[in-house]
């Protein structure tokens, strides 16, 4: 019976380590007024760093294909 208890304890520790990042993300996401990824959605005319980067990446890839 001791082996089952030891195995259960080891599995509990492994599960806690595996789900710790998920728990931290949920904690950060549900904090009042906190945004874990920063401001990524444009609201109206405000610029977005993520959208600017995506547009530059798309133009770069298009430039690679059109240079032939």
PDB file of N, CA and C in Angstrom:
ATOM      1  N   UNK A   1       0.827  -1.193   0.000  1.00  0.00           N
ATOM      2  CA  UNK A   1       0.000   0.000   0.000  1.00  0.00           C
ATOM      3  C   UNK A   1       0.866   1.250   0.000  1.00  0.00           C
ATOM      4  N   UNK A   2       2.081   1.150   0.537  1.00  0.00           N
ATOM      5  CA  UNK A   2       2.976   2.300   0.559  1.00  0.00           C
ATOM      6  C   UNK A   2       3.420   2.718  -0.834  1.00  0.00           C
ATOM      7  N   UNK A   3       3.548   1.749  -1.752  1.00  0.00           N
ATOM      8  CA  UNK A   3       3.954   2.061  -3.111  1.00  0.00           C
ATOM      9  C   UNK A   3       2.900   2.895  -3.826  1.00  0.00           C
ATOM     10  N   UNK A   4       1.652   2.592  -3.585  1.00  0.00           N
ATOM     11  CA  UNK A   4       0.562   3.344  -4.208  1.00  0.00           C
ATOM     12  C   UNK A   4       0.565   4.786  -3.702  1.00  0.00           C
ATOM     13  N   UNK A   5       0.786   4.969  -2.421  1.00  0.00           N
ATOM     14  CA  UNK A   5       0.830   6.312  -1.838  1.00  0.00           C
ATOM     15  C   UNK A   5       2.013   7.102  -2.392  1.00  0.00           C
ATOM     16  N   UNK A   6       3.163   6.454  -2.512  1.00  0.00           N
ATOM     17  CA  UNK A   6       4.338   7.127  -3.071  1.00  0.00           C
ATOM     18  C   UNK A   6       4.106   7.505  -4.526  1.00  0.00           C
ATOM     19  N   UNK A   7       3.526   6.609  -5.297  1.00  0.00           N
ATOM     20  CA  UNK A   7       3.229   6.890  -6.695  1.00  0.00           C
ATOM     21  C   UNK A   7       2.240   8.044  -6.807  1.00  0.00           C
ATOM     22  N   UNK A   8       1.223   8.067  -5.976  1.00  0.00           N
ATOM     23  CA  UNK A   8       0.230   9.139  -5.982  1.00  0.00           C
ATOM     24  C   UNK A   8       0.896  10.478  -5.668  1.00  0.00           C
ATOM     25  N   UNK A   9       1.795  10.495  -4.717  1.00  0.00           N
ATOM     26  CA  UNK A   9       2.484  11.724  -4.338  1.00  0.00           C
ATOM     27  C   UNK A   9       3.384  12.220  -5.477  1.00  0.00           C
ATOM     28  N   UNK A  10       4.103  11.308  -6.123  1.00  0.00           N
ATOM     29  CA  UNK A  10       4.957  11.690  -7.249  1.00  0.00           C
ATOM     30  C   UNK A  10       4.104  12.227  -8.396  1.00  0.00           C
ATOM     31  N   UNK A  11       3.006  11.574  -8.677  1.00  0.00           N
ATOM     32  CA  UNK A  11       2.124  12.031  -9.747  1.00  0.00           C
ATOM     33  C   UNK A  11       1.531  13.399  -9.424  1.00  0.00           C
ATOM     34  N   UNK A  12       1.226  13.647  -8.171  1.00  0.00           N
ATOM     35  CA  UNK A  12       0.702  14.950  -7.758  1.00  0.00           C
ATOM     36  C   UNK A  12       1.745  16.046  -7.968  1.00  0.00           C
ATOM     37  N   UNK A  13       2.988  15.762  -7.649  1.00  0.00           N
ATOM     38  CA  UNK A  13       4.063  16.741  -7.839  1.00  0.00           C
ATOM     39  C   UNK A  13       4.287  17.003  -9.327  1.00  0.00           C
ATOM     40  N   UNK A  14       4.283  15.958 -10.143  1.00  0.00           N
ATOM     41  CA  UNK A  14       4.457  16.120 -11.593  1.00  0.00           C
ATOM     42  C   UNK A  14       3.301  16.928 -12.183  1.00  0.00           C
ATOM     43  N   UNK A  15       2.088  16.640 -11.753  1.00  0.00           N
ATOM     44  CA  UNK A  15       0.925  17.373 -12.258  1.00  0.00           C
ATOM     45  C   UNK A  15       0.985  18.839 -11.845  1.00  0.00           C
ATOM     46  N   UNK A  16       1.397  19.115 -10.628  1.00  0.00           N
ATOM     47  CA  UNK A  16       1.511  20.504 -10.171  1.00  0.00           C
ATOM     48  C   UNK A  16       2.551  21.253 -10.995  1.00  0.00           C
ATOM     49  N   UNK A  17       3.663  20.615 -11.305  1.00  0.00           N
ATOM     50  CA  UNK A  17       4.699  21.257 -12.116  1.00  0.00           C
ATOM     51  C   UNK A  17       4.225  21.465 -13.554  1.00  0.00           C
ATOM     52  N   UNK A  18       3.448  20.518 -14.081  1.00  0.00           N
ATOM     53  CA  UNK A  18       2.984  20.618 -15.456  1.00  0.00           C
ATOM     54  C   UNK A  18       1.926  21.700 -15.620  1.00  0.00           C
ATOM     55  N   UNK A  19       1.070  21.881 -14.632  1.00  0.00           N
ATOM     56  CA  UNK A  19      -0.015  22.843 -14.757  1.00  0.00           C
ATOM     57  C   UNK A  19       0.278  24.192 -14.111  1.00  0.00           C
ATOM     58  N   UNK A  20       1.466  24.369 -13.551  1.00  0.00           N
ATOM     59  CA  UNK A  20       1.819  25.645 -12.931  1.00  0.00           C
ATOM     60  C   UNK A  20       1.785  26.800 -13.936  1.00  0.00           C
ATOM     61  N   UNK A  21       2.330  26.664 -15.162  1.00  0.00           N
ATOM     62  CA  UNK A  21       2.243  27.783 -16.107  1.00  0.00           C
ATOM     63  C   UNK A  21       0.807  28.153 -16.465  1.00  0.00           C
ATOM     64  N   UNK A  22      -0.048  27.144 -16.602  1.00  0.00           N
ATOM     65  CA  UNK A  22      -1.449  27.422 -16.897  1.00  0.00           C
ATOM     66  C   UNK A  22      -2.105  28.168 -15.743  1.00  0.00           C
ATOM     67  N   UNK A  23      -1.823  27.744 -14.537  1.00  0.00           N
ATOM     68  CA  UNK A  23      -2.379  28.432 -13.370  1.00  0.00           C
ATOM     69  C   UNK A  23      -1.892  29.858 -13.269  1.00  0.00           C
ATOM     70  N   UNK A  24      -0.616  30.090 -13.584  1.00  0.00           N
ATOM     71  CA  UNK A  24      -0.079  31.447 -13.548  1.00  0.00           C
ATOM     72  C   UNK A  24      -0.745  32.319 -14.613  1.00  0.00           C
ATOM     73  N   UNK A  25      -0.944  31.762 -15.819  1.00  0.00           N
ATOM     74  CA  UNK A  25      -1.608  32.518 -16.876  1.00  0.00           C
ATOM     75  C   UNK A  25      -3.035  32.878 -16.468  1.00  0.00           C
ATOM     76  N   UNK A  26      -3.758  31.928 -15.917  1.00  0.00           N
ATOM     77  CA  UNK A  26      -5.131  32.199 -15.481  1.00  0.00           C
ATOM     78  C   UNK A  26      -5.130  33.262 -14.388  1.00  0.00           C
ATOM     79  N   UNK A  27      -4.188  33.186 -13.473  1.00  0.00           N
ATOM     80  CA  UNK A  27      -4.081  34.188 -12.405  1.00  0.00           C
ATOM     81  C   UNK A  27      -3.837  35.574 -12.995  1.00  0.00           C
ATOM     82  N   UNK A  28      -2.878  35.685 -13.928  1.00  0.00           N
ATOM     83  CA  UNK A  28      -2.567  36.991 -14.520  1.00  0.00           C
ATOM     84  C   UNK A  28      -3.732  37.501 -15.356  1.00  0.00           C
ATOM     85  N   UNK A  29      -4.419  36.602 -16.066  1.00  0.00           N
ATOM     86  CA  UNK A  29      -5.497  37.009 -16.954  1.00  0.00           C
ATOM     87  C   UNK A  29      -6.721  37.482 -16.178  1.00  0.00           C
ATOM     88  N   UNK A  30      -6.973  36.905 -15.015  1.00  0.00           N
ATOM     89  CA  UNK A  30      -8.182  37.256 -14.270  1.00  0.00           C
ATOM     90  C   UNK A  30      -7.972  38.386 -13.273  1.00  0.00           C
ATOM     91  N   UNK A  31      -6.722  38.865 -13.125  1.00  0.00           N
ATOM     92  CA  UNK A  31      -6.503  40.000 -12.244  1.00  0.00           C
ATOM     93  C   UNK A  31      -7.250  41.211 -12.800  1.00  0.00           C
ATOM     94  N   UNK A  32      -7.794  42.006 -11.928  1.00  0.00           N
ATOM     95  CA  UNK A  32      -8.584  43.160 -12.363  1.00  0.00           C
ATOM     96  C   UNK A  32      -7.715  44.142 -13.147  1.00  0.00           C
ATOM     97  N   UNK A  33      -8.107  44.407 -14.379  1.00  0.00           N
ATOM     98  CA  UNK A  33      -7.443  45.396 -15.208  1.00  0.00           C
ATOM     99  C   UNK A  33      -6.095  44.991 -15.746  1.00  0.00           C
ATOM    100  N   UNK A  34      -5.697  43.733 -15.630  1.00  0.00           N
ATOM    101  CA  UNK A  34      -4.391  43.306 -16.114  1.00  0.00           C
ATOM    102  C   UNK A  34      -4.545  42.631 -17.467  1.00  0.00           C
ATOM    103  N   UNK A  35      -3.624  42.917 -18.360  1.00  0.00           N
ATOM    104  CA  UNK A  35      -3.632  42.297 -19.675  1.00  0.00           C
ATOM    105  C   UNK A  35      -2.304  41.569 -19.836  1.00  0.00           C
ATOM    106  N   UNK A  36      -2.284  40.221 -19.809  1.00  0.00           N
ATOM    107  CA  UNK A  36      -1.017  39.489 -19.804  1.00  0.00           C
ATOM    108  C   UNK A  36      -0.194  39.671 -21.070  1.00  0.00           C
ATOM    109  N   UNK A  37      -0.825  39.988 -22.197  1.00  0.00           N
ATOM    110  CA  UNK A  37      -0.087  40.160 -23.439  1.00  0.00           C
ATOM    111  C   UNK A  37       0.071  41.623 -23.813  1.00  0.00           C
ATOM    112  N   UNK A  38      -0.326  42.524 -22.959  1.00  0.00           N
ATOM    113  CA  UNK A  38      -0.242  43.942 -23.287  1.00  0.00           C
ATOM    114  C   UNK A  38      -1.375  44.347 -24.198  1.00  0.00           C
ATOM    115  N   UNK A  39      -1.257  45.511 -24.763  1.00  0.00           N
ATOM    116  CA  UNK A  39      -2.289  46.034 -25.653  1.00  0.00           C
ATOM    117  C   UNK A  39      -2.006  45.545 -27.067  1.00  0.00           C
ATOM    118  N   UNK A  40      -2.764  44.565 -27.551  1.00  0.00           N
ATOM    119  CA  UNK A  40      -2.487  44.022 -28.877  1.00  0.00           C
ATOM    120  C   UNK A  40      -3.609  44.320 -29.864  1.00  0.00           C
ATOM    121  N   UNK A  41      -4.788  44.703 -29.403  1.00  0.00           N
ATOM    122  CA  UNK A  41      -5.876  44.995 -30.317  1.00  0.00           C
ATOM    123  C   UNK A  41      -5.971  46.488 -30.542  1.00  0.00           C
ATOM    124  N   UNK A  42      -6.066  46.907 -31.811  1.00  0.00           N
ATOM    125  CA  UNK A  42      -6.237  48.336 -32.048  1.00  0.00           C
ATOM    126  C   UNK A  42      -7.669  48.760 -31.711  1.00  0.00           C
ATOM    127  N   UNK A  43      -7.790  49.906 -31.122  1.00  0.00           N
ATOM    128  CA  UNK A  43      -9.115  50.450 -30.790  1.00  0.00           C
ATOM    129  C   UNK A  43      -9.258  51.751 -31.545  1.00  0.00           C
ATOM    130  N   UNK A  44     -10.029  51.722 -32.611  1.00  0.00           N
ATOM    131  CA  UNK A  44     -10.201  52.927 -33.402  1.00  0.00           C
ATOM    132  C   UNK A  44      -8.967  53.206 -34.243  1.00  0.00           C
ATOM    133  N   UNK A  45      -8.421  54.391 -34.099  1.00  0.00           N
ATOM    134  CA  UNK A  45      -7.276  54.802 -34.910  1.00  0.00           C
ATOM    135  C   UNK A  45      -5.946  54.592 -34.198  1.00  0.00           C
ATOM    136  N   UNK A  46      -5.941  53.968 -33.048  1.00  0.00           N
ATOM    137  CA  UNK A  46      -4.695  53.796 -32.310  1.00  0.00           C
ATOM    138  C   UNK A  46      -3.810  52.764 -33.008  1.00  0.00           C
ATOM    139  N   UNK A  47      -2.488  53.011 -33.057  1.00  0.00           N
ATOM    140  CA  UNK A  47      -1.594  52.059 -33.722  1.00  0.00           C
ATOM    141  C   UNK A  47      -1.403  50.788 -32.892  1.00  0.00           C
ATOM    142  N   UNK A  48      -1.088  49.719 -33.566  1.00  0.00           N
ATOM    143  CA  UNK A  48      -0.848  48.441 -32.898  1.00  0.00           C
ATOM    144  C   UNK A  48       0.522  47.924 -33.310  1.00  0.00           C
ATOM    145  N   UNK A  49       1.366  47.628 -32.345  1.00  0.00           N
ATOM    146  CA  UNK A  49       2.702  47.125 -32.619  1.00  0.00           C
ATOM    147  C   UNK A  49       2.634  45.768 -33.311  1.00  0.00           C
ATOM    148  N   UNK A  50       1.694  44.930 -32.886  1.00  0.00           N
ATOM    149  CA  UNK A  50       1.560  43.595 -33.476  1.00  0.00           C
ATOM    150  C   UNK A  50       1.126  43.693 -34.935  1.00  0.00           C
ATOM    151  N   UNK A  51       0.153  44.571 -35.235  1.00  0.00           N
ATOM    152  CA  UNK A  51      -0.300  44.730 -36.615  1.00  0.00           C
ATOM    153  C   UNK A  51       0.802  45.309 -37.494  1.00  0.00           C
ATOM    154  N   UNK A  52       1.549  46.286 -36.979  1.00  0.00           N
ATOM    155  CA  UNK A  52       2.659  46.864 -37.745  1.00  0.00           C
ATOM    156  C   UNK A  52       3.707  45.807 -38.071  1.00  0.00           C
ATOM    157  N   UNK A  53       4.053  44.982 -37.084  1.00  0.00           N
ATOM    158  CA  UNK A  53       5.034  43.919 -37.311  1.00  0.00           C
ATOM    159  C   UNK A  53       4.522  42.915 -38.339  1.00  0.00           C
ATOM    160  N   UNK A  54       3.236  42.545 -38.251  1.00  0.00           N
ATOM    161  CA  UNK A  54       2.666  41.584 -39.197  1.00  0.00           C
ATOM    162  C   UNK A  54       2.680  42.154 -40.611  1.00  0.00           C
ATOM    163  N   UNK A  55       2.356  43.446 -40.757  1.00  0.00           N
ATOM    164  CA  UNK A  55       2.373  44.061 -42.081  1.00  0.00           C
ATOM    165  C   UNK A  55       3.783  44.091 -42.654  1.00  0.00           C
ATOM    166  N   UNK A  56       4.787  44.385 -41.826  1.00  0.00           N
ATOM    167  CA  UNK A  56       6.174  44.387 -42.295  1.00  0.00           C
ATOM    168  C   UNK A  56       6.604  42.991 -42.714  1.00  0.00           C
ATOM    169  N   UNK A  57       6.211  41.980 -41.949  1.00  0.00           N
ATOM    170  CA  UNK A  57       6.565  40.599 -42.282  1.00  0.00           C
ATOM    171  C   UNK A  57       5.908  40.174 -43.594  1.00  0.00           C
ATOM    172  N   UNK A  58       4.666  40.547 -43.804  1.00  0.00           N
ATOM    173  CA  UNK A  58       3.959  40.199 -45.038  1.00  0.00           C
ATOM    174  C   UNK A  58       4.627  40.871 -46.226  1.00  0.00           C
ATOM    175  N   UNK A  59       4.971  42.159 -46.083  1.00  0.00           N
ATOM    176  CA  UNK A  59       5.651  42.867 -47.176  1.00  0.00           C
ATOM    177  C   UNK A  59       7.014  42.239 -47.475  1.00  0.00           C
ATOM    178  N   UNK A  60       7.724  41.813 -46.451  1.00  0.00           N
ATOM    179  CA  UNK A  60       9.025  41.172 -46.647  1.00  0.00           C
ATOM    180  C   UNK A  60       8.877  39.875 -47.438  1.00  0.00           C
ATOM    181  N   UNK A  61       7.919  39.054 -47.067  1.00  0.00           N
ATOM    182  CA  UNK A  61       7.706  37.776 -47.768  1.00  0.00           C
ATOM    183  C   UNK A  61       7.249  38.029 -49.195  1.00  0.00           C
ATOM    184  N   UNK A  62       6.375  39.012 -49.381  1.00  0.00           N
ATOM    185  CA  UNK A  62       5.934  39.337 -50.738  1.00  0.00           C
ATOM    186  C   UNK A  62       7.111  39.830 -51.574  1.00  0.00           C
ATOM    187  N   UNK A  63       8.000  40.598 -50.967  1.00  0.00           N
ATOM    188  CA  UNK A  63       9.181  41.078 -51.674  1.00  0.00           C
ATOM    189  C   UNK A  63      10.091  39.946 -52.090  1.00  0.00           C
ATOM    190  N   UNK A  64      10.196  38.912 -51.277  1.00  0.00           N
ATOM    191  CA  UNK A  64      11.025  37.758 -51.638  1.00  0.00           C
ATOM    192  C   UNK A  64      10.476  37.040 -52.867  1.00  0.00           C
ATOM    193  N   UNK A  65       9.161  36.948 -52.967  1.00  0.00           N
ATOM    194  CA  UNK A  65       8.554  36.226 -54.072  1.00  0.00           C
ATOM    195  C   UNK A  65       8.514  37.055 -55.360  1.00  0.00           C
ATOM    196  N   UNK A  66       8.475  38.371 -55.247  1.00  0.00           N
ATOM    197  CA  UNK A  66       8.355  39.215 -56.444  1.00  0.00           C
ATOM    198  C   UNK A  66       9.688  39.642 -57.018  1.00  0.00           C
ATOM    199  N   UNK A  67      10.804  39.371 -56.349  1.00  0.00           N
ATOM    200  CA  UNK A  67      12.124  39.813 -56.816  1.00  0.00           C
ATOM    201  C   UNK A  67      12.622  39.030 -58.016  1.00  0.00           C
ATOM    202  N   UNK A  68      12.203  37.835 -58.219  1.00  0.00           N
ATOM    203  CA  UNK A  68      12.658  36.924 -59.277  1.00  0.00           C
ATOM    204  C   UNK A  68      13.323  37.626 -60.365  1.00  0.00           C
TER     205      UNK A  68
END
